[in-house]
Amino acid sequence: SLLLTSTHRALNSSQISLARRSPPPPRSTERRVEGMASEGVLLGMGNPLLDISAVVDDAFLTKYDVKLNNAILAEEKHLPMYDELASKGNVEYIAGGATQNSIRVAQWMLQTPGATSYMGCIGKDKFGEEMKKNAQAAGVTAHYYEDEAAPTGTCAVCVVGGERSLVANLSAANCYKSEHLKKPENWALVEKAKYIYIAGFFLTVSPDSIQLVAEHAAANNKVFLMNLSAPFICEFFRDAQEKVLPFVDYIFGNETEARIFAKVRGWETENVEEIALKISQLPLASGKQKRIAVITQGADPVVVAEDGQVKTFPVILLPKEKLVDTNGAGDAFVGGFLSQLVQQKSIEDSVKAGCYAANVIIQRSGCTYPEKPDFN
């Protein structure tokens, strides 16, 4: 979820060829078990938010001027909705945030304690303490920056007929500073990671932190991944997005975000496969050899553009009666994808794992999952 929850519902010229880079082998000092991910191999940075989730009706959405299947930042008019949601008998509190969701799902899929790590800003309050306990229970190594003044960020998750809309009140999540990232104990997580994933929502908070890790990844032959995250990111944070895109090896998004991305660039096409191809062929920074664009389309096939070619992969179709809540599905797709990618599995295997994870999450309330995955 998260505010940016990235995606989604079920939930980046000239052609660039190029050989696939493989990440450097793990250093001998790192604990590694055959067939498992190495410790700290995957790092996420983003906006940690506590989801306040409840089933509402269309009148509630109308009251607060909220559109279904959208993700926005809270304005003054939205602030009363958090107390109203909290007063509902069916309310649930779930630790979330787009990137944190993806990292938690990747950790769940990997089943290797400490394989993943995460950084973001929380408040020094009870919700922040809940967030820390949740990350620890999930097996994620979380180094949160704790803001003294702002409360832990929240996200209103309004569920209607299994579909969701997200309204994020970033609060402390909006206070992350690159000074925290640069501290030796935190930068050590960056140095250990071979794969670094950041949702586009973090562009609204700390673009300088994103640039630091993006340039580190390029200089050290690491894999840097980002998400388009929401239409408003593509529309209103284009400059920050443009600055980091040359460093992005994998870009994720859904079909709505992809079409907005194309529209603001004047591409004059709504064909998702064509857009994915154009995104994959945008210019790359020095040291980056190619980009792979991965676009989800709800129940329609996942589109992957790589090396001037487009492939589509079917998703796991779910009967409507089994759909509980699409909140976090896009984040779960990315988490599943990452769980295989960090083990150097194929794109096909990574997409399959993403579809599996998303399918599990949409049959549950919020971005939650059973104790163990059942993915082969």
Protein backbone atom coordinates (compact mmCIF):
# COMPACT_ATOMS: atom_id res chain seq x y z
CA SER A 1 0.00 0.00 0.00
CA LEU A 2 1.32 2.84 0.35
CA LEU A 3 0.97 5.76 -0.73
CA LEU A 4 1.81 5.24 -2.72
CA THR A 5 1.43 1.93 -3.28
CA SER A 6 2.75 1.54 -6.14
CA THR A 7 0.86 0.01 -8.35
CA HIS A 8 -1.63 -1.01 -8.67
CA ARG A 9 -4.28 -3.05 -9.17
CA ALA A 10 -3.50 -6.67 -9.35
CA LEU A 11 -1.62 -5.86 -8.47
CA ASN A 12 10.99 3.32 -18.58
CA SER A 13 15.52 6.71 -29.40
CA SER A 14 17.68 4.40 -30.38
CA GLN A 15 17.70 0.71 -29.83
CA ILE A 16 20.11 -0.53 -27.23
CA SER A 17 21.37 -4.03 -27.52
CA LEU A 18 23.77 -5.26 -24.95
CA ALA A 19 24.73 -8.10 -22.96
CA ARG A 20 23.00 -8.78 -19.70
CA ARG A 21 25.11 -7.79 -16.73
CA SER A 22 25.35 -10.19 -13.89
CA PRO A 23 25.82 -8.74 -10.45
CA PRO A 24 29.16 -9.31 -8.81
CA PRO A 25 29.45 -12.47 -6.74
CA PRO A 26 28.92 -12.09 -3.02
CA ARG A 27 32.02 -11.37 -1.01
CA SER A 28 33.41 -14.33 0.86
CA THR A 29 32.76 -12.55 4.15
CA GLU A 30 29.00 -12.62 3.54
CA ARG A 31 26.93 -15.45 4.86
CA ARG A 32 25.49 -17.36 1.94
CA VAL A 33 23.59 -20.62 1.84
CA GLU A 34 23.34 -22.56 -1.41
CA GLY A 35 20.06 -21.80 -3.16
CA MET A 36 19.36 -18.86 -0.89
CA ALA A 37 19.88 -15.12 -1.13
CA SER A 38 22.91 -13.56 0.52
CA GLU A 39 22.52 -11.38 3.58
CA GLY A 40 21.53 -7.80 2.76
CA VAL A 41 21.40 -8.48 -0.99
CA LEU A 42 18.29 -6.30 -1.45
CA LEU A 43 17.82 -2.76 -0.08
CA GLY A 44 14.68 -0.65 -0.24
CA MET A 45 14.26 3.03 0.56
CA GLY A 46 10.90 4.76 0.78
CA ASN A 47 7.98 6.18 2.72
CA PRO A 48 6.97 3.93 5.64
CA LEU A 49 3.27 4.40 6.33
CA LEU A 50 0.78 2.76 8.63
CA ASP A 51 -2.23 1.74 6.54
CA ILE A 52 -5.63 2.50 8.07
CA SER A 53 -7.80 0.22 5.99
CA ALA A 54 -11.57 -0.15 5.96
CA VAL A 55 -14.39 -1.09 3.60
CA VAL A 56 -16.36 2.04 2.65
CA ASP A 57 -19.12 2.93 0.20
CA ASP A 58 -19.29 5.20 -2.85
CA ALA A 59 -20.78 7.97 -0.71
CA PHE A 60 -17.61 8.00 1.41
CA LEU A 61 -15.46 8.41 -1.70
CA THR A 62 -17.70 11.20 -2.96
CA LYS A 63 -17.62 12.96 0.42
CA TYR A 64 -13.85 13.19 0.32
CA ASP A 65 -13.50 13.63 -3.45
CA VAL A 66 -11.57 10.37 -3.83
CA LYS A 67 -11.48 8.33 -7.04
CA LEU A 68 -11.39 4.54 -6.99
CA ASN A 69 -8.10 2.88 -7.99
CA ASN A 70 -6.05 6.00 -7.41
CA ALA A 71 -3.19 7.01 -5.13
CA ILE A 72 -2.84 10.62 -3.97
CA LEU A 73 -1.28 12.75 -1.25
CA ALA A 74 -3.67 14.04 1.40
CA GLU A 75 -4.90 17.62 1.22
CA GLU A 76 -6.66 19.58 3.97
CA LYS A 77 -10.05 18.28 2.83
CA HIS A 78 -8.93 14.68 3.35
CA LEU A 79 -7.67 14.95 6.92
CA PRO A 80 -10.99 14.15 8.68
CA MET A 81 -11.22 10.85 6.80
CA TYR A 82 -8.54 9.20 8.95
CA ASP A 83 -10.60 9.51 12.14
CA GLU A 84 -13.73 8.45 10.27
CA LEU A 85 -12.01 5.33 8.95
CA ALA A 86 -10.60 4.58 12.40
CA SER A 87 -14.12 4.72 13.86
CA LYS A 88 -15.39 1.96 11.58
CA GLY A 89 -15.88 -1.46 13.08
CA ASN A 90 -13.99 -3.20 10.27
CA VAL A 91 -10.86 -1.01 10.42
CA GLU A 92 -7.43 -2.67 10.20
CA TYR A 93 -3.96 -1.25 10.86
CA ILE A 94 -1.23 -2.67 8.63
CA ALA A 95 2.40 -1.56 8.30
CA GLY A 96 2.87 -0.42 4.73
CA GLY A 97 4.28 2.03 2.29
CA ALA A 98 4.93 1.00 -1.32
CA THR A 99 8.62 0.18 -1.04
CA GLN A 100 8.31 -1.34 2.41
CA ASN A 101 5.51 -3.60 1.12
CA SER A 102 7.67 -4.82 -1.74
CA ILE A 103 10.63 -5.47 0.54
CA ARG A 104 8.48 -7.36 3.04
CA VAL A 105 7.03 -9.54 0.27
CA ALA A 106 10.49 -10.22 -1.18
CA GLN A 107 11.70 -11.19 2.29
CA TRP A 108 8.71 -13.52 2.70
CA MET A 109 9.36 -15.15 -0.67
CA LEU A 110 13.09 -15.57 0.07
CA GLN A 111 12.66 -17.01 3.57
CA THR A 112 16.30 -16.07 4.32
CA PRO A 113 16.53 -13.96 7.50
CA GLY A 114 18.21 -10.61 6.83
CA ALA A 115 18.26 -10.97 3.05
CA THR A 116 16.55 -7.58 2.79
CA SER A 117 16.98 -4.18 4.40
CA TYR A 118 15.00 -0.95 4.40
CA MET A 119 15.34 2.75 5.24
CA GLY A 120 12.73 5.48 5.68
CA CYS A 121 11.47 7.97 8.28
CA ILE A 122 9.00 7.32 11.08
CA GLY A 123 7.91 9.31 14.11
CA LYS A 124 8.83 8.62 17.71
CA ASP A 125 5.38 7.38 18.61
CA LYS A 126 3.34 4.20 19.10
CA PHE A 127 2.75 3.77 15.38
CA GLY A 128 6.50 4.04 14.81
CA GLU A 129 7.10 1.37 17.43
CA GLU A 130 4.52 -0.85 15.68
CA MET A 131 6.39 -0.30 12.41
CA LYS A 132 9.70 -1.38 13.97
CA LYS A 133 8.16 -4.50 15.48
CA ASN A 134 6.51 -5.36 12.18
CA ALA A 135 9.75 -5.06 10.21
CA GLN A 136 11.61 -7.19 12.74
CA ALA A 137 8.89 -9.85 12.67
CA ALA A 138 9.05 -9.87 8.86
CA GLY A 139 12.81 -10.55 8.93
CA VAL A 140 13.69 -7.20 7.35
CA THR A 141 16.72 -5.25 8.65
CA ALA A 142 15.14 -1.81 9.07
CA HIS A 143 17.19 1.30 9.85
CA TYR A 144 14.53 3.97 10.35
CA TYR A 145 15.27 7.66 10.78
CA GLU A 146 13.10 8.70 13.74
CA ASP A 147 11.82 12.26 13.54
CA GLU A 148 11.35 13.99 16.89
CA ALA A 149 8.43 16.20 15.86
CA ALA A 150 6.32 14.63 13.10
CA PRO A 151 4.02 11.64 13.71
CA THR A 152 4.46 8.40 11.81
CA GLY A 153 2.88 8.66 8.36
CA THR A 154 -0.47 7.08 7.62
CA CYS A 155 -2.33 5.98 4.52
CA ALA A 156 -6.10 5.84 4.29
CA VAL A 157 -7.02 2.69 2.37
CA CYS A 158 -10.61 2.97 1.16
CA VAL A 159 -11.88 -0.39 -0.12
CA VAL A 160 -14.99 -0.61 -2.30
CA GLY A 161 -15.88 -3.94 -3.89
CA GLY A 162 -12.33 -5.23 -3.48
CA GLU A 163 -10.84 -2.23 -5.30
CA ARG A 164 -8.92 0.38 -3.33
CA SER A 165 -8.04 4.05 -3.24
CA LEU A 166 -5.12 5.40 -1.25
CA VAL A 167 -4.76 8.79 0.40
CA ALA A 168 -1.38 9.19 2.05
CA ASN A 169 -0.62 11.63 4.85
CA LEU A 170 3.18 11.36 4.77
CA SER A 171 3.91 13.24 8.02
CA ALA A 172 7.24 11.81 9.28
CA ALA A 173 7.79 9.86 6.05
CA ASN A 174 8.19 13.26 4.40
CA CYS A 175 11.08 14.14 6.71
CA TYR A 176 13.73 11.67 5.55
CA LYS A 177 17.14 13.30 5.14
CA SER A 178 20.17 12.13 3.20
CA GLU A 179 22.24 12.82 6.34
CA HIS A 180 20.71 9.65 7.79
CA LEU A 181 21.66 7.70 4.68
CA LYS A 182 25.27 8.90 4.91
CA LYS A 183 25.81 7.65 8.46
CA PRO A 184 28.31 4.75 8.36
CA GLU A 185 25.93 2.20 9.88
CA ASN A 186 23.28 3.07 7.26
CA TRP A 187 25.54 3.48 4.25
CA ALA A 188 26.84 0.00 5.11
CA LEU A 189 23.43 -1.34 4.01
CA VAL A 190 23.92 0.37 0.64
CA GLU A 191 27.40 -1.07 0.24
CA LYS A 192 26.25 -4.59 1.11
CA ALA A 193 23.26 -4.54 -1.25
CA LYS A 194 23.56 -5.82 -4.83
CA TYR A 195 20.03 -4.71 -5.73
CA ILE A 196 18.42 -1.41 -4.66
CA TYR A 197 14.71 -0.73 -5.12
CA ILE A 198 12.90 2.59 -4.60
CA ALA A 199 9.28 3.45 -5.43
CA GLY A 200 8.69 6.70 -7.28
CA PHE A 201 6.84 8.10 -4.27
CA PHE A 202 10.21 8.73 -2.60
CA LEU A 203 10.93 11.33 -5.31
CA THR A 204 8.55 13.61 -3.39
CA VAL A 205 10.64 13.27 -0.21
CA SER A 206 14.37 12.86 -0.79
CA PRO A 207 15.51 12.94 -4.42
CA ASP A 208 19.07 13.61 -3.26
CA SER A 209 19.08 10.30 -1.36
CA ILE A 210 17.84 8.52 -4.47
CA GLN A 211 20.58 10.12 -6.56
CA LEU A 212 23.26 9.06 -4.09
CA VAL A 213 22.32 5.38 -4.22
CA ALA A 214 21.62 5.46 -7.97
CA GLU A 215 25.10 6.79 -8.70
CA HIS A 216 26.60 4.28 -6.25
CA ALA A 217 24.84 1.47 -8.11
CA ALA A 218 26.15 2.68 -11.48
CA ALA A 219 29.70 3.00 -10.18
CA ASN A 220 29.69 -0.44 -8.57
CA ASN A 221 27.93 -2.58 -11.17
CA LYS A 222 24.82 -2.99 -9.02
CA VAL A 223 21.20 -3.24 -10.13
CA PHE A 224 19.03 -0.18 -9.46
CA LEU A 225 15.24 -0.48 -9.76
CA MET A 226 12.41 2.04 -9.54
CA ASN A 227 8.64 2.25 -9.89
CA LEU A 228 6.51 4.85 -11.68
CA SER A 229 4.21 4.46 -8.63
CA ALA A 230 1.32 6.80 -9.46
CA PRO A 231 0.07 9.09 -12.25
CA PHE A 232 0.77 12.20 -10.16
CA ILE A 233 4.45 11.25 -9.87
CA CYS A 234 4.74 11.05 -13.67
CA GLU A 235 2.89 14.35 -14.07
CA PHE A 236 4.12 16.59 -11.28
CA PHE A 237 7.53 15.18 -10.37
CA ARG A 238 8.78 14.70 -13.91
CA ASP A 239 12.01 16.67 -13.42
CA ALA A 240 13.10 14.56 -10.44
CA GLN A 241 12.06 11.42 -12.31
CA GLU A 242 14.00 12.46 -15.43
CA LYS A 243 17.16 13.02 -13.40
CA VAL A 244 17.25 9.50 -11.98
CA LEU A 245 15.88 7.55 -14.97
CA PRO A 246 19.27 7.19 -16.73
CA PHE A 247 20.46 5.15 -13.72
CA VAL A 248 17.46 2.79 -13.63
CA ASP A 249 18.08 -0.79 -14.77
CA TYR A 250 14.49 -1.97 -14.17
CA ILE A 251 11.43 0.26 -14.18
CA PHE A 252 8.04 -0.99 -12.97
CA GLY A 253 4.58 0.48 -13.39
CA ASN A 254 0.99 -0.27 -14.29
CA GLU A 255 -0.81 0.56 -17.53
CA THR A 256 -2.37 3.78 -16.19
CA GLU A 257 0.98 5.13 -15.02
CA ALA A 258 2.65 4.09 -18.28
CA ARG A 259 0.06 5.96 -20.34
CA ILE A 260 0.43 9.11 -18.24
CA PHE A 261 4.24 8.80 -18.51
CA ALA A 262 3.85 8.68 -22.31
CA LYS A 263 1.31 11.50 -22.40
CA VAL A 264 3.47 14.01 -20.53
CA ARG A 265 6.29 13.25 -22.99
CA GLY A 266 4.07 13.75 -26.01
CA TRP A 267 4.47 10.21 -27.30
CA GLU A 268 0.94 10.15 -28.75
CA THR A 269 0.30 6.48 -28.10
CA GLU A 270 -1.71 4.58 -25.52
CA ASN A 271 -0.39 1.18 -26.61
CA VAL A 272 1.21 -0.23 -23.48
CA GLU A 273 3.64 -2.49 -25.35
CA GLU A 274 4.84 0.43 -27.45
CA ILE A 275 5.19 2.62 -24.36
CA ALA A 276 7.13 -0.05 -22.47
CA LEU A 277 9.53 -0.36 -25.40
CA LYS A 278 10.09 3.40 -25.56
CA ILE A 279 10.67 3.57 -21.81
CA SER A 280 13.24 0.76 -22.02
CA GLN A 281 15.10 2.69 -24.72
CA LEU A 282 15.37 6.05 -22.97
CA PRO A 283 18.99 7.22 -22.53
CA LEU A 284 21.19 5.51 -19.97
CA ALA A 285 23.91 6.86 -17.70
CA SER A 286 27.52 5.93 -18.24
CA GLY A 287 28.15 2.40 -17.02
CA LYS A 288 24.52 1.32 -17.48
CA GLN A 289 24.11 -1.16 -20.32
CA LYS A 290 20.36 -1.61 -20.69
CA ARG A 291 16.99 -1.04 -19.09
CA ILE A 292 14.09 -3.45 -18.71
CA ALA A 293 10.56 -2.06 -18.41
CA VAL A 294 7.93 -4.17 -16.64
CA ILE A 295 4.31 -2.98 -16.89
CA THR A 296 1.41 -4.73 -15.16
CA GLN A 297 -2.15 -4.47 -16.45
CA GLY A 298 -4.39 -5.87 -13.74
CA ALA A 299 -5.92 -9.09 -15.06
CA ASP A 300 -4.30 -8.59 -18.48
CA PRO A 301 -0.80 -9.90 -19.32
CA VAL A 302 2.35 -8.37 -17.86
CA VAL A 303 4.38 -6.50 -20.51
CA VAL A 304 8.18 -6.75 -20.46
CA ALA A 305 10.35 -4.69 -22.84
CA GLU A 306 14.02 -5.65 -23.13
CA ASP A 307 16.70 -5.40 -25.84
CA GLY A 308 14.29 -3.84 -28.34
CA GLN A 309 11.73 -6.61 -27.94
CA VAL A 310 8.46 -6.93 -26.07
CA LYS A 311 7.16 -10.07 -24.38
CA THR A 312 3.89 -10.62 -22.54
CA PHE A 313 3.24 -12.99 -19.66
CA PRO A 314 -0.22 -14.09 -18.47
CA VAL A 315 -1.21 -13.41 -14.89
CA ILE A 316 -2.95 -15.85 -12.55
CA LEU A 317 -6.66 -15.19 -13.02
CA LEU A 318 -8.73 -15.07 -9.86
CA PRO A 319 -12.50 -15.61 -9.63
CA LYS A 320 -14.21 -12.39 -8.53
CA GLU A 321 -15.62 -14.08 -5.45
CA LYS A 322 -12.08 -14.76 -4.17
CA LEU A 323 -10.98 -11.14 -4.51
CA VAL A 324 -10.72 -9.54 -1.08
CA ASP A 325 -8.63 -6.39 -1.53
CA THR A 326 -6.32 -5.19 -4.33
CA ASN A 327 -4.40 -2.94 -1.92
CA GLY A 328 -0.69 -3.72 -2.16
CA ALA A 329 -1.04 -6.03 -5.16
CA GLY A 330 1.32 -3.99 -7.32
CA ASP A 331 3.82 -3.79 -4.48
CA ALA A 332 3.52 -7.55 -3.99
CA PHE A 333 4.17 -8.14 -7.69
CA VAL A 334 7.42 -6.20 -7.41
CA GLY A 335 8.37 -8.05 -4.22
CA GLY A 336 7.84 -11.41 -5.84
CA PHE A 337 9.77 -10.32 -8.93
CA LEU A 338 12.68 -9.10 -6.82
CA SER A 339 12.82 -12.34 -4.83
CA GLN A 340 13.82 -14.23 -7.96
CA LEU A 341 15.90 -11.50 -9.57
CA VAL A 342 18.24 -11.29 -6.58
CA GLN A 343 18.83 -15.02 -6.99
CA GLN A 344 19.75 -14.33 -10.65
CA LYS A 345 16.73 -16.21 -11.96
CA SER A 346 15.28 -15.46 -15.42
CA ILE A 347 12.86 -12.64 -16.24
CA GLU A 348 10.20 -15.29 -16.85
CA ASP A 349 10.73 -16.78 -13.39
CA SER A 350 10.72 -13.31 -11.85
CA VAL A 351 7.41 -12.38 -13.53
CA LYS A 352 5.87 -15.69 -12.45
CA ALA A 353 6.91 -15.03 -8.85
CA GLY A 354 5.50 -11.51 -9.08
CA CYS A 355 2.17 -12.81 -10.35
CA TYR A 356 2.12 -15.46 -7.63
CA ALA A 357 2.76 -12.93 -4.87
CA ALA A 358 0.13 -10.50 -6.20
CA ASN A 359 -2.39 -13.34 -6.43
CA VAL A 360 -1.78 -14.26 -2.79
CA ILE A 361 -2.10 -10.66 -1.57
CA ILE A 362 -5.40 -9.87 -3.34
CA GLN A 363 -7.04 -12.81 -1.56
CA ARG A 364 -6.22 -11.22 1.82
CA SER A 365 -6.87 -7.92 3.52
CA GLY A 366 -4.03 -5.45 2.98
CA CYS A 367 -0.50 -6.38 2.00
CA THR A 368 -0.38 -9.51 4.17
CA TYR A 369 0.59 -13.09 3.46
CA PRO A 370 0.56 -16.59 4.99
CA GLU A 371 3.51 -17.84 7.03
CA LYS A 372 5.26 -19.54 4.11
CA PRO A 373 5.04 -19.06 0.33
CA ASP A 374 4.01 -21.95 -1.91
CA PHE A 375 5.94 -20.98 -5.02
CA ASN A 376 8.05 -23.29 -7.13
